[in-house]
Amino acid sequence: MFQAKEYVKPASLEEAYRLCQKRSSVTVGGMMWLKMENVRKQTIVDLSDLGLDQIREDEKEFQIGAMVTLRMLETHEGLNKEFNGIFRECTRHIVGVQFRNGATVGGSVYGRFGFSDILTALMALDTEVELYQGGRMPLAEFAARTPKVTERDILMYVYVKKDHRKAAYLSERRSSTDFPLLACCGAKTLWGWQFAVGARPGRAEQVSLRIKAGQIERKILGEKGVCWTAVCGISPDKNNSAAEALAEAAASAFHYGTNLTGSGAYRAYLAKVLTGRLIRQIETGEESTDR
């Protein structure tokens, strides 16, 4: 059982950051998972008085505060309208409404849990996070870091850009409210496609693909910046060959592991199937629905 000696609600981010520099302190969001851990801390730092519980929207992006609950994310009209209902879809299997009324976006993103539906959905969009000291950075860069690198910092906001991408979300579970066996999110952008796969069982990762001159190319970040490398060709004599090749290229970009819920080979097969469904769903304009 989780235990702590002090409970503090800081009046400013500066105070919260100062308190969090002690290794005996821990920042809490909804404390839905933390309370089940068997750890002792000196001080709980509660961010609920810092105005981080709002979703704001302007012409360019959505600003989501770290203390926004998953239920607020699930029911936000603007986010779901902009991204084809993926936020309603990626949250509805998470335990139950009571749980989602307590769990926070900041906790889901900052924790970088392998099973996180929220992280998977956000990774398929043009998403950035803002840390109190670390500043603003792409979510993919933040997610790739080990938690120890940023464990003393405070996640303030998540930003989701409005770039006219069409998105869809699907997951596979052994039961409705169980952790996902595999989670997939895809988005069609003005330049190509972006896919994210989580619960591999590792944390979500993303891949960017485009179709050019009969070739599927993958976006690579190297020392010289961004480049596109050919992955495979598209056969012109098969029905749906482009969608099938795209699904295969996306699914094969990730590594899959084995745990009690499924094998790596099974997850790799599921990733191709779910990615193919995402592509068809996006191309037909259907709203995200995982039935």
Foldseek 3Di string as FASTA:
>chain_A
DEEEAEEDEDQEQVVLLVVLVDPLEAEDALCPPVVPDDDYGHYYYYDVNHPQQDWDDDPWKIKHWQNHFLVCQLPPPVVCVLAQNLSVVLRPLAQHPVSRVRHTPNCLLLVLALLRSSLQAQQQFQKWWQKPPVGIDTSQVNSPDDSVVCRSIGTTIMITTRQSKYKAWEFDDPDRNDRTCKIKMKIAGPAAIKIWIGCLSGGIHMWTWHADPQFIWTWDQDPVGIDTHTDDGFDPPDPPRVLLVVLLVGLVVDFHADDPVGHNVVRSVVSSVVSSVGVVCRVVVHRHDYD
